[in-house]
Amino acid sequence: MQPLEDEPRMIDGEAMTAQMRKLDAQVVEVLERKPRVVIPEGFAARVASQASTLRMPASMRATRFGVTAVAVCAVLSAAAMLVLAPRTVSHDMFWMALQWMLCGQFCALTAWLALSRHETE
């Protein structure tokens, strides 16, 4: 509830003087006033013409960290299959399962690489 103008208001324990009330009223009036916006003629055309001269062709290529990581993993899984190949001669279940898992991983990675290259073209 706002105090009436006749009631003395207190600021930090001191009564407001007439000069303070006048200043307070001026501040409230200025804060409540809507700003008047004036846009000069041809402003949009000027900005558009300046913007077209500032445009530079985008020659930046997007980084493809995911594709690089998949390619590295595919090479590593192929190398691991070649290194582990002599151990699978004995048909030990662990080494066979590991070899098949690496083979499946290699196939999935190369298929993903092939599909991602196809999508970017």
PDB file of N, CA and C in Angstrom:
ATOM      1  N   MET A   1       0.834  -1.172   0.000  1.00  0.00           N
ATOM      2  CA  MET A   1       0.000   0.000   0.000  1.00  0.00           C
ATOM      3  C   MET A   1       0.884   1.242   0.000  1.00  0.00           C
ATOM      4  N   GLN A   2       0.635   2.162  -0.946  1.00  0.00           N
ATOM      5  CA  GLN A   2       1.439   3.368  -1.046  1.00  0.00           C
ATOM      6  C   GLN A   2       0.953   4.395  -0.019  1.00  0.00           C
ATOM      7  N   PRO A   3       1.896   5.106   0.564  1.00  0.00           N
ATOM      8  CA  PRO A   3       1.467   6.143   1.519  1.00  0.00           C
ATOM      9  C   PRO A   3       0.853   7.309   0.759  1.00  0.00           C
ATOM     10  N   LEU A   4      -0.093   7.954   1.384  1.00  0.00           N
ATOM     11  CA  LEU A   4      -0.700   9.135   0.785  1.00  0.00           C
ATOM     12  C   LEU A   4       0.309  10.278   0.812  1.00  0.00           C
ATOM     13  N   GLU A   5       0.119  11.251  -0.081  1.00  0.00           N
ATOM     14  CA  GLU A   5       1.070  12.368  -0.153  1.00  0.00           C
ATOM     15  C   GLU A   5       1.090  13.189   1.127  1.00  0.00           C
ATOM     16  N   ASP A   6      -0.013  13.177   1.838  1.00  0.00           N
ATOM     17  CA  ASP A   6      -0.075  13.973   3.061  1.00  0.00           C
ATOM     18  C   ASP A   6       0.706  13.326   4.198  1.00  0.00           C
ATOM     19  N   GLU A   7       0.832  12.012   4.146  1.00  0.00           N
ATOM     20  CA  GLU A   7       1.518  11.307   5.224  1.00  0.00           C
ATOM     21  C   GLU A   7       3.026  11.480   5.062  1.00  0.00           C
ATOM     22  N   PRO A   8       3.710  11.760   6.139  1.00  0.00           N
ATOM     23  CA  PRO A   8       5.180  11.872   6.039  1.00  0.00           C
ATOM     24  C   PRO A   8       5.797  10.473   5.907  1.00  0.00           C
ATOM     25  N   ARG A   9       6.658  10.311   4.922  1.00  0.00           N
ATOM     26  CA  ARG A   9       7.344   9.032   4.751  1.00  0.00           C
ATOM     27  C   ARG A   9       8.718   9.109   5.393  1.00  0.00           C
ATOM     28  N   MET A  10       9.192   7.945   5.794  1.00  0.00           N
ATOM     29  CA  MET A  10      10.484   7.890   6.458  1.00  0.00           C
ATOM     30  C   MET A  10      11.492   7.180   5.551  1.00  0.00           C
ATOM     31  N   ILE A  11      12.685   7.749   5.429  1.00  0.00           N
ATOM     32  CA  ILE A  11      13.788   7.123   4.711  1.00  0.00           C
ATOM     33  C   ILE A  11      14.944   7.041   5.691  1.00  0.00           C
ATOM     34  N   ASP A  12      15.336   5.825   5.991  1.00  0.00           N
ATOM     35  CA  ASP A  12      16.404   5.574   6.953  1.00  0.00           C
ATOM     36  C   ASP A  12      16.190   6.339   8.256  1.00  0.00           C
ATOM     37  N   GLY A  13      14.949   6.400   8.684  1.00  0.00           N
ATOM     38  CA  GLY A  13      14.634   7.031   9.958  1.00  0.00           C
ATOM     39  C   GLY A  13      14.453   8.532   9.880  1.00  0.00           C
ATOM     40  N   GLU A  14      14.631   9.139   8.704  1.00  0.00           N
ATOM     41  CA  GLU A  14      14.463  10.583   8.564  1.00  0.00           C
ATOM     42  C   GLU A  14      13.229  10.867   7.726  1.00  0.00           C
ATOM     43  N   ALA A  15      12.521  11.940   8.097  1.00  0.00           N
ATOM     44  CA  ALA A  15      11.326  12.310   7.344  1.00  0.00           C
ATOM     45  C   ALA A  15      11.739  12.917   6.007  1.00  0.00           C
ATOM     46  N   MET A  16      10.945  12.610   4.957  1.00  0.00           N
ATOM     47  CA  MET A  16      11.228  13.161   3.633  1.00  0.00           C
ATOM     48  C   MET A  16      10.869  14.638   3.604  1.00  0.00           C
ATOM     49  N   THR A  17      11.741  15.416   3.045  1.00  0.00           N
ATOM     50  CA  THR A  17      11.466  16.837   2.903  1.00  0.00           C
ATOM     51  C   THR A  17      10.689  17.063   1.616  1.00  0.00           C
ATOM     52  N   ALA A  18      10.188  18.272   1.429  1.00  0.00           N
ATOM     53  CA  ALA A  18       9.433  18.603   0.217  1.00  0.00           C
ATOM     54  C   ALA A  18      10.323  18.467  -1.014  1.00  0.00           C
ATOM     55  N   GLN A  19      11.579  18.828  -0.882  1.00  0.00           N
ATOM     56  CA  GLN A  19      12.506  18.729  -2.008  1.00  0.00           C
ATOM     57  C   GLN A  19      12.741  17.265  -2.373  1.00  0.00           C
ATOM     58  N   MET A  20      12.863  16.397  -1.376  1.00  0.00           N
ATOM     59  CA  MET A  20      13.057  14.968  -1.632  1.00  0.00           C
ATOM     60  C   MET A  20      11.820  14.367  -2.290  1.00  0.00           C
ATOM     61  N   ARG A  21      10.632  14.825  -1.849  1.00  0.00           N
ATOM     62  CA  ARG A  21       9.400  14.325  -2.449  1.00  0.00           C
ATOM     63  C   ARG A  21       9.302  14.744  -3.913  1.00  0.00           C
ATOM     64  N   LYS A  22       9.718  15.971  -4.202  1.00  0.00           N
ATOM     65  CA  LYS A  22       9.685  16.471  -5.566  1.00  0.00           C
ATOM     66  C   LYS A  22      10.645  15.660  -6.448  1.00  0.00           C
ATOM     67  N   LEU A  23      11.828  15.408  -5.928  1.00  0.00           N
ATOM     68  CA  LEU A  23      12.809  14.603  -6.664  1.00  0.00           C
ATOM     69  C   LEU A  23      12.292  13.188  -6.873  1.00  0.00           C
ATOM     70  N   ASP A  24      11.691  12.616  -5.854  1.00  0.00           N
ATOM     71  CA  ASP A  24      11.113  11.275  -5.942  1.00  0.00           C
ATOM     72  C   ASP A  24      10.037  11.225  -7.020  1.00  0.00           C
ATOM     73  N   ALA A  25       9.182  12.231  -7.065  1.00  0.00           N
ATOM     74  CA  ALA A  25       8.118  12.276  -8.068  1.00  0.00           C
ATOM     75  C   ALA A  25       8.702  12.397  -9.470  1.00  0.00           C
ATOM     76  N   GLN A  26       9.768  13.188  -9.628  1.00  0.00           N
ATOM     77  CA  GLN A  26      10.408  13.323 -10.934  1.00  0.00           C
ATOM     78  C   GLN A  26      11.023  12.008 -11.398  1.00  0.00           C
ATOM     79  N   VAL A  27      11.658  11.300 -10.477  1.00  0.00           N
ATOM     80  CA  VAL A  27      12.268  10.010 -10.819  1.00  0.00           C
ATOM     81  C   VAL A  27      11.199   9.016 -11.245  1.00  0.00           C
ATOM     82  N   VAL A  28      10.097   8.965 -10.506  1.00  0.00           N
ATOM     83  CA  VAL A  28       8.999   8.054 -10.848  1.00  0.00           C
ATOM     84  C   VAL A  28       8.420   8.416 -12.204  1.00  0.00           C
ATOM     85  N   GLU A  29       8.255   9.704 -12.479  1.00  0.00           N
ATOM     86  CA  GLU A  29       7.700  10.146 -13.765  1.00  0.00           C
ATOM     87  C   GLU A  29       8.616   9.741 -14.921  1.00  0.00           C
ATOM     88  N   VAL A  30       9.909   9.927 -14.765  1.00  0.00           N
ATOM     89  CA  VAL A  30      10.853   9.573 -15.826  1.00  0.00           C
ATOM     90  C   VAL A  30      10.893   8.065 -16.038  1.00  0.00           C
ATOM     91  N   LEU A  31      10.841   7.302 -14.965  1.00  0.00           N
ATOM     92  CA  LEU A  31      10.883   5.844 -15.091  1.00  0.00           C
ATOM     93  C   LEU A  31       9.620   5.281 -15.736  1.00  0.00           C
ATOM     94  N   GLU A  32       8.491   5.913 -15.521  1.00  0.00           N
ATOM     95  CA  GLU A  32       7.230   5.415 -16.063  1.00  0.00           C
ATOM     96  C   GLU A  32       6.960   5.906 -17.483  1.00  0.00           C
ATOM     97  N   ARG A  33       7.740   6.866 -17.981  1.00  0.00           N
ATOM     98  CA  ARG A  33       7.546   7.409 -19.312  1.00  0.00           C
ATOM     99  C   ARG A  33       8.034   6.393 -20.353  1.00  0.00           C
ATOM    100  N   LYS A  34       7.239   6.183 -21.400  1.00  0.00           N
ATOM    101  CA  LYS A  34       7.640   5.274 -22.473  1.00  0.00           C
ATOM    102  C   LYS A  34       8.687   5.958 -23.337  1.00  0.00           C
ATOM    103  N   PRO A  35       9.719   5.217 -23.709  1.00  0.00           N
ATOM    104  CA  PRO A  35      10.733   5.828 -24.568  1.00  0.00           C
ATOM    105  C   PRO A  35      10.181   6.033 -25.985  1.00  0.00           C
ATOM    106  N   ARG A  36      10.628   7.110 -26.622  1.00  0.00           N
ATOM    107  CA  ARG A  36      10.195   7.391 -27.982  1.00  0.00           C
ATOM    108  C   ARG A  36      11.295   6.890 -28.912  1.00  0.00           C
ATOM    109  N   VAL A  37      10.954   5.914 -29.739  1.00  0.00           N
ATOM    110  CA  VAL A  37      11.920   5.307 -30.648  1.00  0.00           C
ATOM    111  C   VAL A  37      11.746   5.923 -32.027  1.00  0.00           C
ATOM    112  N   VAL A  38      12.839   6.431 -32.578  1.00  0.00           N
ATOM    113  CA  VAL A  38      12.810   7.037 -33.905  1.00  0.00           C
ATOM    114  C   VAL A  38      13.802   6.288 -34.786  1.00  0.00           C
ATOM    115  N   ILE A  39      13.294   5.697 -35.857  1.00  0.00           N
ATOM    116  CA  ILE A  39      14.145   4.975 -36.808  1.00  0.00           C
ATOM    117  C   ILE A  39      14.250   5.834 -38.062  1.00  0.00           C
ATOM    118  N   PRO A  40      15.464   6.223 -38.451  1.00  0.00           N
ATOM    119  CA  PRO A  40      15.614   7.083 -39.614  1.00  0.00           C
ATOM    120  C   PRO A  40      15.170   6.393 -40.904  1.00  0.00           C
ATOM    121  N   GLU A  41      14.828   7.209 -41.894  1.00  0.00           N
ATOM    122  CA  GLU A  41      14.421   6.683 -43.205  1.00  0.00           C
ATOM    123  C   GLU A  41      15.587   5.916 -43.830  1.00  0.00           C
ATOM    124  N   GLY A  42      15.266   4.802 -44.458  1.00  0.00           N
ATOM    125  CA  GLY A  42      16.275   4.033 -45.179  1.00  0.00           C
ATOM    126  C   GLY A  42      17.247   3.286 -44.291  1.00  0.00           C
ATOM    127  N   PHE A  43      16.938   3.175 -43.006  1.00  0.00           N
ATOM    128  CA  PHE A  43      17.856   2.491 -42.075  1.00  0.00           C
ATOM    129  C   PHE A  43      18.038   1.031 -42.455  1.00  0.00           C
ATOM    130  N   ALA A  44      16.936   0.346 -42.739  1.00  0.00           N
ATOM    131  CA  ALA A  44      17.015  -1.078 -43.079  1.00  0.00           C
ATOM    132  C   ALA A  44      17.801  -1.290 -44.366  1.00  0.00           C
ATOM    133  N   ALA A  45      17.585  -0.435 -45.355  1.00  0.00           N
ATOM    134  CA  ALA A  45      18.313  -0.563 -46.618  1.00  0.00           C
ATOM    135  C   ALA A  45      19.805  -0.326 -46.414  1.00  0.00           C
ATOM    136  N   ARG A  46      20.152   0.653 -45.584  1.00  0.00           N
ATOM    137  CA  ARG A  46      21.568   0.922 -45.307  1.00  0.00           C
ATOM    138  C   ARG A  46      22.233  -0.253 -44.613  1.00  0.00           C
ATOM    139  N   VAL A  47      21.554  -0.811 -43.624  1.00  0.00           N
ATOM    140  CA  VAL A  47      22.118  -1.943 -42.887  1.00  0.00           C
ATOM    141  C   VAL A  47      22.260  -3.150 -43.809  1.00  0.00           C
ATOM    142  N   ALA A  48      21.269  -3.388 -44.660  1.00  0.00           N
ATOM    143  CA  ALA A  48      21.340  -4.526 -45.582  1.00  0.00           C
ATOM    144  C   ALA A  48      22.478  -4.358 -46.583  1.00  0.00           C
ATOM    145  N   SER A  49      22.678  -3.155 -47.075  1.00  0.00           N
ATOM    146  CA  SER A  49      23.771  -2.952 -48.034  1.00  0.00           C
ATOM    147  C   SER A  49      25.133  -3.114 -47.363  1.00  0.00           C
ATOM    148  N   GLN A  50      25.259  -2.667 -46.123  1.00  0.00           N
ATOM    149  CA  GLN A  50      26.522  -2.833 -45.411  1.00  0.00           C
ATOM    150  C   GLN A  50      26.766  -4.288 -45.050  1.00  0.00           C
ATOM    151  N   ALA A  51      25.722  -5.007 -44.721  1.00  0.00           N
ATOM    152  CA  ALA A  51      25.872  -6.412 -44.338  1.00  0.00           C
ATOM    153  C   ALA A  51      26.298  -7.246 -45.536  1.00  0.00           C
ATOM    154  N   SER A  52      25.809  -6.925 -46.713  1.00  0.00           N
ATOM    155  CA  SER A  52      26.178  -7.716 -47.883  1.00  0.00           C
ATOM    156  C   SER A  52      27.656  -7.528 -48.232  1.00  0.00           C
ATOM    157  N   THR A  53      28.234  -6.369 -47.931  1.00  0.00           N
ATOM    158  CA  THR A  53      29.657  -6.161 -48.206  1.00  0.00           C
ATOM    159  C   THR A  53      30.533  -6.824 -47.151  1.00  0.00           C
ATOM    160  N   LEU A  54      29.985  -7.074 -45.972  1.00  0.00           N
ATOM    161  CA  LEU A  54      30.765  -7.689 -44.899  1.00  0.00           C
ATOM    162  C   LEU A  54      30.809  -9.203 -44.979  1.00  0.00           C
ATOM    163  N   ARG A  55      29.904  -9.788 -45.740  1.00  0.00           N
ATOM    164  CA  ARG A  55      29.856 -11.251 -45.800  1.00  0.00           C
ATOM    165  C   ARG A  55      31.110 -11.798 -46.459  1.00  0.00           C
ATOM    166  N   MET A  56      31.643 -12.811 -45.827  1.00  0.00           N
ATOM    167  CA  MET A  56      32.809 -13.478 -46.387  1.00  0.00           C
ATOM    168  C   MET A  56      32.417 -14.920 -46.654  1.00  0.00           C
ATOM    169  N   PRO A  57      32.904 -15.483 -47.734  1.00  0.00           N
ATOM    170  CA  PRO A  57      32.539 -16.867 -48.024  1.00  0.00           C
ATOM    171  C   PRO A  57      33.055 -17.801 -46.931  1.00  0.00           C
ATOM    172  N   ALA A  58      32.221 -18.740 -46.568  1.00  0.00           N
ATOM    173  CA  ALA A  58      32.582 -19.687 -45.506  1.00  0.00           C
ATOM    174  C   ALA A  58      33.398 -20.816 -46.114  1.00  0.00           C
ATOM    175  N   SER A  59      34.701 -20.742 -45.928  1.00  0.00           N
ATOM    176  CA  SER A  59      35.564 -21.785 -46.463  1.00  0.00           C
ATOM    177  C   SER A  59      36.008 -22.749 -45.380  1.00  0.00           C
ATOM    178  N   MET A  60      35.441 -22.581 -44.192  1.00  0.00           N
ATOM    179  CA  MET A  60      35.811 -23.428 -43.077  1.00  0.00           C
ATOM    180  C   MET A  60      35.157 -24.796 -43.215  1.00  0.00           C
ATOM    181  N   ARG A  61      35.917 -25.823 -42.997  1.00  0.00           N
ATOM    182  CA  ARG A  61      35.389 -27.183 -43.076  1.00  0.00           C
ATOM    183  C   ARG A  61      35.099 -27.679 -41.665  1.00  0.00           C
ATOM    184  N   ALA A  62      34.000 -28.342 -41.533  1.00  0.00           N
ATOM    185  CA  ALA A  62      33.614 -28.858 -40.218  1.00  0.00           C
ATOM    186  C   ALA A  62      34.575 -29.963 -39.789  1.00  0.00           C
ATOM    187  N   THR A  63      34.910 -29.952 -38.512  1.00  0.00           N
ATOM    188  CA  THR A  63      35.769 -31.012 -37.993  1.00  0.00           C
ATOM    189  C   THR A  63      34.960 -32.293 -37.868  1.00  0.00           C
ATOM    190  N   ARG A  64      35.604 -33.388 -38.112  1.00  0.00           N
ATOM    191  CA  ARG A  64      34.915 -34.684 -38.088  1.00  0.00           C
ATOM    192  C   ARG A  64      35.673 -35.616 -37.143  1.00  0.00           C
ATOM    193  N   PHE A  65      35.609 -35.290 -35.862  1.00  0.00           N
ATOM    194  CA  PHE A  65      36.322 -36.084 -34.873  1.00  0.00           C
ATOM    195  C   PHE A  65      35.752 -37.500 -34.777  1.00  0.00           C
ATOM    196  N   GLY A  66      34.435 -37.632 -34.922  1.00  0.00           N
ATOM    197  CA  GLY A  66      33.810 -38.947 -34.817  1.00  0.00           C
ATOM    198  C   GLY A  66      34.283 -39.888 -35.910  1.00  0.00           C
ATOM    199  N   VAL A  67      34.351 -39.389 -37.135  1.00  0.00           N
ATOM    200  CA  VAL A  67      34.798 -40.212 -38.262  1.00  0.00           C
ATOM    201  C   VAL A  67      36.246 -40.624 -38.058  1.00  0.00           C
ATOM    202  N   THR A  68      37.079 -39.692 -37.590  1.00  0.00           N
ATOM    203  CA  THR A  68      38.488 -40.009 -37.343  1.00  0.00           C
ATOM    204  C   THR A  68      38.621 -41.069 -36.251  1.00  0.00           C
ATOM    205  N   ALA A  69      37.859 -40.928 -35.190  1.00  0.00           N
ATOM    206  CA  ALA A  69      37.919 -41.899 -34.090  1.00  0.00           C
ATOM    207  C   ALA A  69      37.470 -43.281 -34.557  1.00  0.00           C
ATOM    208  N   VAL A  70      36.413 -43.336 -35.376  1.00  0.00           N
ATOM    209  CA  VAL A  70      35.934 -44.628 -35.864  1.00  0.00           C
ATOM    210  C   VAL A  70      36.970 -45.250 -36.787  1.00  0.00           C
ATOM    211  N   ALA A  71      37.605 -44.454 -37.634  1.00  0.00           N
ATOM    212  CA  ALA A  71      38.629 -44.987 -38.539  1.00  0.00           C
ATOM    213  C   ALA A  71      39.805 -45.546 -37.745  1.00  0.00           C
ATOM    214  N   VAL A  72      40.235 -44.834 -36.700  1.00  0.00           N
ATOM    215  CA  VAL A  72      41.336 -45.325 -35.858  1.00  0.00           C
ATOM    216  C   VAL A  72      40.936 -46.627 -35.171  1.00  0.00           C
ATOM    217  N   CYS A  73      39.722 -46.696 -34.643  1.00  0.00           N
ATOM    218  CA  CYS A  73      39.261 -47.922 -33.967  1.00  0.00           C
ATOM    219  C   CYS A  73      39.154 -49.084 -34.943  1.00  0.00           C
ATOM    220  N   ALA A  74      38.739 -48.825 -36.186  1.00  0.00           N
ATOM    221  CA  ALA A  74      38.650 -49.894 -37.183  1.00  0.00           C
ATOM    222  C   ALA A  74      40.041 -50.438 -37.487  1.00  0.00           C
ATOM    223  N   VAL A  75      41.016 -49.565 -37.635  1.00  0.00           N
ATOM    224  CA  VAL A  75      42.397 -50.009 -37.897  1.00  0.00           C
ATOM    225  C   VAL A  75      42.924 -50.795 -36.708  1.00  0.00           C
ATOM    226  N   LEU A  76      42.657 -50.314 -35.487  1.00  0.00           N
ATOM    227  CA  LEU A  76      43.134 -51.025 -34.293  1.00  0.00           C
ATOM    228  C   LEU A  76      42.473 -52.393 -34.148  1.00  0.00           C
ATOM    229  N   SER A  77      41.181 -52.484 -34.461  1.00  0.00           N
ATOM    230  CA  SER A  77      40.529 -53.800 -34.344  1.00  0.00           C
ATOM    231  C   SER A  77      41.041 -54.752 -35.424  1.00  0.00           C
ATOM    232  N   ALA A  78      41.353 -54.255 -36.617  1.00  0.00           N
ATOM    233  CA  ALA A  78      41.934 -55.115 -37.665  1.00  0.00           C
ATOM    234  C   ALA A  78      43.318 -55.592 -37.238  1.00  0.00           C
ATOM    235  N   ALA A  79      44.117 -54.697 -36.658  1.00  0.00           N
ATOM    236  CA  ALA A  79      45.449 -55.090 -36.184  1.00  0.00           C
ATOM    237  C   ALA A  79      45.343 -56.117 -35.063  1.00  0.00           C
ATOM    238  N   ALA A  80      44.380 -55.918 -34.152  1.00  0.00           N
ATOM    239  CA  ALA A  80      44.203 -56.876 -33.058  1.00  0.00           C
ATOM    240  C   ALA A  80      43.786 -58.238 -33.589  1.00  0.00           C
ATOM    241  N   MET A  81      42.939 -58.268 -34.623  1.00  0.00           N
ATOM    242  CA  MET A  81      42.543 -59.562 -35.219  1.00  0.00           C
ATOM    243  C   MET A  81      43.754 -60.271 -35.811  1.00  0.00           C
ATOM    244  N   LEU A  82      44.626 -59.507 -36.483  1.00  0.00           N
ATOM    245  CA  LEU A  82      45.818 -60.122 -37.081  1.00  0.00           C
ATOM    246  C   LEU A  82      46.784 -60.625 -36.009  1.00  0.00           C
ATOM    247  N   VAL A  83      46.934 -59.879 -34.941  1.00  0.00           N
ATOM    248  CA  VAL A  83      47.841 -60.302 -33.858  1.00  0.00           C
ATOM    249  C   VAL A  83      47.288 -61.528 -33.145  1.00  0.00           C
ATOM    250  N   LEU A  84      45.976 -61.604 -32.958  1.00  0.00           N
ATOM    251  CA  LEU A  84      45.379 -62.729 -32.224  1.00  0.00           C
ATOM    252  C   LEU A  84      45.078 -63.942 -33.106  1.00  0.00           C
ATOM    253  N   ALA A  85      45.243 -63.821 -34.392  1.00  0.00           N
ATOM    254  CA  ALA A  85      44.911 -64.924 -35.307  1.00  0.00           C
ATOM    255  C   ALA A  85      45.667 -66.217 -34.979  1.00  0.00           C
ATOM    256  N   PRO A  86      46.967 -66.198 -34.665  1.00  0.00           N
ATOM    257  CA  PRO A  86      47.660 -67.463 -34.355  1.00  0.00           C
ATOM    258  C   PRO A  86      47.106 -68.182 -33.122  1.00  0.00           C
ATOM    259  N   ARG A  87      46.526 -67.454 -32.191  1.00  0.00           N
ATOM    260  CA  ARG A  87      45.994 -68.078 -30.969  1.00  0.00           C
ATOM    261  C   ARG A  87      44.687 -68.826 -31.244  1.00  0.00           C
ATOM    262  N   THR A  88      43.999 -68.509 -32.336  1.00  0.00           N
ATOM    263  CA  THR A  88      42.711 -69.155 -32.606  1.00  0.00           C
ATOM    264  C   THR A  88      42.872 -70.494 -33.323  1.00  0.00           C
ATOM    265  N   VAL A  89      44.096 -70.853 -33.653  1.00  0.00           N
ATOM    266  CA  VAL A  89      44.329 -72.139 -34.338  1.00  0.00           C
ATOM    267  C   VAL A  89      43.942 -73.297 -33.431  1.00  0.00           C
ATOM    268  N   SER A  90      44.164 -73.157 -32.142  1.00  0.00           N
ATOM    269  CA  SER A  90      43.857 -74.242 -31.204  1.00  0.00           C
ATOM    270  C   SER A  90      42.364 -74.346 -30.911  1.00  0.00           C
ATOM    271  N   HIS A  91      41.562 -73.473 -31.453  1.00  0.00           N
ATOM    272  CA  HIS A  91      40.111 -73.439 -31.268  1.00  0.00           C
ATOM    273  C   HIS A  91      39.711 -73.299 -29.802  1.00  0.00           C
ATOM    274  N   ASP A  92      40.544 -72.584 -29.020  1.00  0.00           N
ATOM    275  CA  ASP A  92      40.194 -72.292 -27.633  1.00  0.00           C
ATOM    276  C   ASP A  92      39.012 -71.316 -27.645  1.00  0.00           C
ATOM    277  N   MET A  93      38.010 -71.572 -26.834  1.00  0.00           N
ATOM    278  CA  MET A  93      36.759 -70.818 -26.884  1.00  0.00           C
ATOM    279  C   MET A  93      36.957 -69.337 -26.599  1.00  0.00           C
ATOM    280  N   PHE A  94      37.805 -68.985 -25.626  1.00  0.00           N
ATOM    281  CA  PHE A  94      38.028 -67.584 -25.285  1.00  0.00           C
ATOM    282  C   PHE A  94      38.591 -66.808 -26.471  1.00  0.00           C
ATOM    283  N   TRP A  95      39.648 -67.364 -27.095  1.00  0.00           N
ATOM    284  CA  TRP A  95      40.289 -66.662 -28.205  1.00  0.00           C
ATOM    285  C   TRP A  95      39.372 -66.605 -29.425  1.00  0.00           C
ATOM    286  N   MET A  96      38.584 -67.624 -29.645  1.00  0.00           N
ATOM    287  CA  MET A  96      37.638 -67.610 -30.767  1.00  0.00           C
ATOM    288  C   MET A  96      36.554 -66.545 -30.540  1.00  0.00           C
ATOM    289  N   ALA A  97      36.046 -66.466 -29.303  1.00  0.00           N
ATOM    290  CA  ALA A  97      35.022 -65.467 -28.997  1.00  0.00           C
ATOM    291  C   ALA A  97      35.590 -64.056 -29.141  1.00  0.00           C
ATOM    292  N   LEU A  98      36.820 -63.867 -28.669  1.00  0.00           N
ATOM    293  CA  LEU A  98      37.465 -62.562 -28.803  1.00  0.00           C
ATOM    294  C   LEU A  98      37.674 -62.208 -30.276  1.00  0.00           C
ATOM    295  N   GLN A  99      38.104 -63.199 -31.071  1.00  0.00           N
ATOM    296  CA  GLN A  99      38.328 -62.970 -32.504  1.00  0.00           C
ATOM    297  C   GLN A  99      37.006 -62.603 -33.209  1.00  0.00           C
ATOM    298  N   TRP A 100      35.933 -63.310 -32.889  1.00  0.00           N
ATOM    299  CA  TRP A 100      34.644 -63.016 -33.508  1.00  0.00           C
ATOM    300  C   TRP A 100      34.105 -61.656 -33.058  1.00  0.00           C
ATOM    301  N   MET A 101      34.351 -61.320 -31.800  1.00  0.00           N
ATOM    302  CA  MET A 101      33.918 -60.025 -31.312  1.00  0.00           C
ATOM    303  C   MET A 101      34.677 -58.893 -32.031  1.00  0.00           C
ATOM    304  N   LEU A 102      35.963 -59.063 -32.204  1.00  0.00           N
ATOM    305  CA  LEU A 102      36.746 -58.070 -32.937  1.00  0.00           C
ATOM    306  C   LEU A 102      36.315 -57.994 -34.397  1.00  0.00           C
ATOM    307  N   CYS A 103      35.986 -59.136 -34.980  1.00  0.00           N
ATOM    308  CA  CYS A 103      35.529 -59.168 -36.370  1.00  0.00           C
ATOM    309  C   CYS A 103      34.195 -58.428 -36.516  1.00  0.00           C
ATOM    310  N   GLY A 104      33.286 -58.668 -35.592  1.00  0.00           N
ATOM    311  CA  GLY A 104      32.003 -57.975 -35.620  1.00  0.00           C
ATOM    312  C   GLY A 104      32.166 -56.477 -35.427  1.00  0.00           C
ATOM    313  N   GLN A 105      33.054 -56.112 -34.512  1.00  0.00           N
ATOM    314  CA  GLN A 105      33.324 -54.699 -34.267  1.00  0.00           C
ATOM    315  C   GLN A 105      33.919 -54.051 -35.510  1.00  0.00           C
ATOM    316  N   PHE A 106      34.859 -54.746 -36.147  1.00  0.00           N
ATOM    317  CA  PHE A 106      35.476 -54.215 -37.360  1.00  0.00           C
ATOM    318  C   PHE A 106      34.433 -54.027 -38.459  1.00  0.00           C
ATOM    319  N   CYS A 107      33.555 -55.009 -38.638  1.00  0.00           N
ATOM    320  CA  CYS A 107      32.513 -54.902 -39.665  1.00  0.00           C
ATOM    321  C   CYS A 107      31.558 -53.747 -39.376  1.00  0.00           C
ATOM    322  N   ALA A 108      31.164 -53.598 -38.122  1.00  0.00           N
ATOM    323  CA  ALA A 108      30.254 -52.511 -37.758  1.00  0.00           C
ATOM    324  C   ALA A 108      30.908 -51.145 -37.972  1.00  0.00           C
ATOM    325  N   LEU A 109      32.168 -51.027 -37.589  1.00  0.00           N
ATOM    326  CA  LEU A 109      32.861 -49.753 -37.757  1.00  0.00           C
ATOM    327  C   LEU A 109      33.049 -49.389 -39.222  1.00  0.00           C
ATOM    328  N   THR A 110      33.439 -50.355 -40.032  1.00  0.00           N
ATOM    329  CA  THR A 110      33.631 -50.056 -41.455  1.00  0.00           C
ATOM    330  C   THR A 110      32.302 -49.769 -42.141  1.00  0.00           C
ATOM    331  N   ALA A 111      31.239 -50.442 -41.733  1.00  0.00           N
ATOM    332  CA  ALA A 111      29.916 -50.143 -42.304  1.00  0.00           C
ATOM    333  C   ALA A 111      29.491 -48.727 -41.920  1.00  0.00           C
ATOM    334  N   TRP A 112      29.728 -48.344 -40.679  1.00  0.00           N
ATOM    335  CA  TRP A 112      29.386 -46.992 -40.251  1.00  0.00           C
ATOM    336  C   TRP A 112      30.189 -45.954 -41.031  1.00  0.00           C
ATOM    337  N   LEU A 113      31.493 -46.249 -41.229  1.00  0.00           N
ATOM    338  CA  LEU A 113      32.327 -45.334 -42.004  1.00  0.00           C
ATOM    339  C   LEU A 113      31.815 -45.191 -43.432  1.00  0.00           C
ATOM    340  N   ALA A 114      31.455 -46.296 -44.055  1.00  0.00           N
ATOM    341  CA  ALA A 114      30.967 -46.261 -45.424  1.00  0.00           C
ATOM    342  C   ALA A 114      29.655 -45.467 -45.514  1.00  0.00           C
ATOM    343  N   LEU A 115      28.771 -45.668 -44.558  1.00  0.00           N
ATOM    344  CA  LEU A 115      27.500 -44.953 -44.581  1.00  0.00           C
ATOM    345  C   LEU A 115      27.679 -43.475 -44.282  1.00  0.00           C
ATOM    346  N   SER A 116      28.594 -43.129 -43.385  1.00  0.00           N
ATOM    347  CA  SER A 116      28.796 -41.704 -43.067  1.00  0.00           C
ATOM    348  C   SER A 116      29.454 -40.992 -44.238  1.00  0.00           C
ATOM    349  N   ARG A 117      30.292 -41.647 -44.986  1.00  0.00           N
ATOM    350  CA  ARG A 117      30.916 -41.024 -46.178  1.00  0.00           C
ATOM    351  C   ARG A 117      29.841 -40.842 -47.262  1.00  0.00           C
ATOM    352  N   HIS A 118      28.936 -41.812 -47.347  1.00  0.00           N
ATOM    353  CA  HIS A 118      27.887 -41.736 -48.358  1.00  0.00           C
ATOM    354  C   HIS A 118      26.924 -40.575 -48.064  1.00  0.00           C
ATOM    355  N   GLU A 119      26.633 -40.322 -46.796  1.00  0.00           N
ATOM    356  CA  GLU A 119      25.704 -39.260 -46.404  1.00  0.00           C
ATOM    357  C   GLU A 119      26.272 -37.880 -46.651  1.00  0.00           C
ATOM    358  N   THR A 120      27.596 -37.710 -46.525  1.00  0.00           N
ATOM    359  CA  THR A 120      28.193 -36.376 -46.673  1.00  0.00           C
ATOM    360  C   THR A 120      28.364 -35.982 -48.134  1.00  0.00           C
ATOM    361  N   GLU A 121      28.277 -36.890 -49.039  1.00  0.00           N
ATOM    362  CA  GLU A 121      28.461 -36.555 -50.463  1.00  0.00           C
ATOM    363  C   GLU A 121      27.202 -36.016 -51.065  1.00  0.00           C
TER     364      GLU A 121
END
